[in-house]
Amino acid sequence: ALDRFYHSARRTPETAAFFRDDQHMAHAKRAQESHWLRIATGAFDQEFHASVRRIGAIHAHIGLEPRWYIGAYGLVLENLLRGIARHLSPWRRLL
């Protein structure tokens, strides 16, 4: 799901502009992986809350509009749900 998102982000000029280079994008992807793992495991502790506040402050500082990261969440969730459905479906061989 994140691979698809970052592939799309790289191809979209408005979002690609927020990344200095491929290393910067790879760093952001690792942070996203950590973020989604915390969500998946239900680790909503103080560290998680501090992390999301820090990420929100960074988004505001760089001028990343909510429509971009809310849209990104939608893309990631869509791909995650598609993968889960494919994995759990009795018709998965057809999907």
Protein backbone atom coordinates (compact mmCIF):
# COMPACT_ATOMS: atom_id res chain seq x y z
CA ALA A 1 0.00 0.00 0.00
CA LEU A 2 2.78 2.43 0.87
CA ASP A 3 4.76 1.49 -2.23
CA ARG A 4 1.78 2.44 -4.36
CA PHE A 5 1.27 5.67 -2.46
CA TYR A 6 4.90 6.78 -2.78
CA HIS A 7 4.96 5.79 -6.44
CA SER A 8 1.94 8.05 -6.95
CA ALA A 9 3.47 10.84 -4.81
CA ARG A 10 6.63 10.73 -6.92
CA ARG A 11 4.60 11.13 -10.14
CA THR A 12 2.42 14.00 -8.85
CA PRO A 13 4.29 17.33 -9.06
CA GLU A 14 2.36 18.88 -6.15
CA THR A 15 3.38 16.10 -3.77
CA ALA A 16 6.80 15.31 -5.24
CA ALA A 17 7.83 18.89 -4.41
CA PHE A 18 7.71 18.09 -0.68
CA PHE A 19 10.61 15.64 -1.01
CA ARG A 20 14.22 16.74 -1.56
CA ASP A 21 15.30 13.45 -3.10
CA ASP A 22 14.76 9.68 -3.03
CA GLN A 23 16.45 9.36 0.38
CA HIS A 24 14.06 11.90 1.86
CA MET A 25 11.11 9.99 0.41
CA ALA A 26 12.52 6.69 1.75
CA HIS A 27 12.80 8.26 5.22
CA ALA A 28 9.18 9.42 5.04
CA LYS A 29 8.11 5.95 3.94
CA ARG A 30 9.88 4.33 6.91
CA ALA A 31 8.12 6.79 9.22
CA GLN A 32 4.79 5.89 7.60
CA GLU A 33 5.51 2.18 8.05
CA SER A 34 6.12 2.77 11.74
CA HIS A 35 2.98 4.89 12.01
CA TRP A 36 0.75 2.27 10.35
CA LEU A 37 2.27 -0.52 12.44
CA ARG A 38 1.33 1.40 15.59
CA ILE A 39 -2.21 1.82 14.27
CA ALA A 40 -2.47 -1.87 13.33
CA THR A 41 -1.27 -3.01 16.75
CA GLY A 42 -3.37 -0.49 18.66
CA ALA A 43 -0.31 1.12 20.25
CA PHE A 44 -2.00 4.44 20.98
CA ASP A 45 0.32 5.38 23.81
CA GLN A 46 1.95 8.70 24.71
CA GLU A 47 4.73 8.11 22.19
CA PHE A 48 2.16 7.63 19.41
CA HIS A 49 0.34 10.84 20.35
CA ALA A 50 3.62 12.77 20.52
CA SER A 51 4.58 11.38 17.12
CA VAL A 52 1.33 12.39 15.41
CA ARG A 53 1.52 15.87 16.93
CA ARG A 54 5.11 16.19 15.68
CA ILE A 55 4.11 14.99 12.20
CA GLY A 56 1.19 17.43 12.16
CA ALA A 57 3.51 20.29 13.10
CA ILE A 58 5.91 19.30 10.31
CA HIS A 59 3.06 19.14 7.80
CA ALA A 60 1.94 22.63 8.85
CA HIS A 61 5.50 23.98 8.75
CA ILE A 62 6.16 22.76 5.20
CA GLY A 63 2.73 23.86 3.99
CA LEU A 64 1.35 20.40 3.27
CA GLU A 65 -2.38 20.95 2.94
CA PRO A 66 -4.73 18.49 4.68
CA ARG A 67 -6.24 17.45 1.34
CA TRP A 68 -2.92 15.83 0.40
CA TYR A 69 -2.33 13.77 3.53
CA ILE A 70 -6.01 12.91 4.00
CA GLY A 71 -6.05 11.79 0.38
CA ALA A 72 -2.88 9.79 1.01
CA TYR A 73 -4.53 8.06 3.97
CA GLY A 74 -7.45 7.19 1.71
CA LEU A 75 -5.13 5.65 -0.88
CA VAL A 76 -3.23 3.65 1.73
CA LEU A 77 -6.43 2.41 3.37
CA GLU A 78 -7.92 1.46 0.01
CA ASN A 79 -4.84 -0.61 -0.84
CA LEU A 80 -4.69 -2.18 2.63
CA LEU A 81 -8.34 -3.18 2.48
CA ARG A 82 -7.94 -4.55 -1.03
CA GLY A 83 -4.98 -6.64 0.15
CA ILE A 84 -6.87 -7.92 3.20
CA ALA A 85 -9.89 -8.82 1.08
CA ARG A 86 -7.68 -10.60 -1.42
CA HIS A 87 -5.96 -12.54 1.36
CA LEU A 88 -9.14 -13.53 3.19
CA SER A 89 -11.50 -14.06 0.28
CA PRO A 90 -12.47 -17.61 -0.61
CA TRP A 91 -12.23 -16.37 -4.22
CA ARG A 92 -8.74 -14.91 -3.72
CA ARG A 93 -7.37 -16.86 -6.67
CA LEU A 94 -9.67 -14.83 -8.90
CA LEU A 95 -8.81 -11.42 -7.40
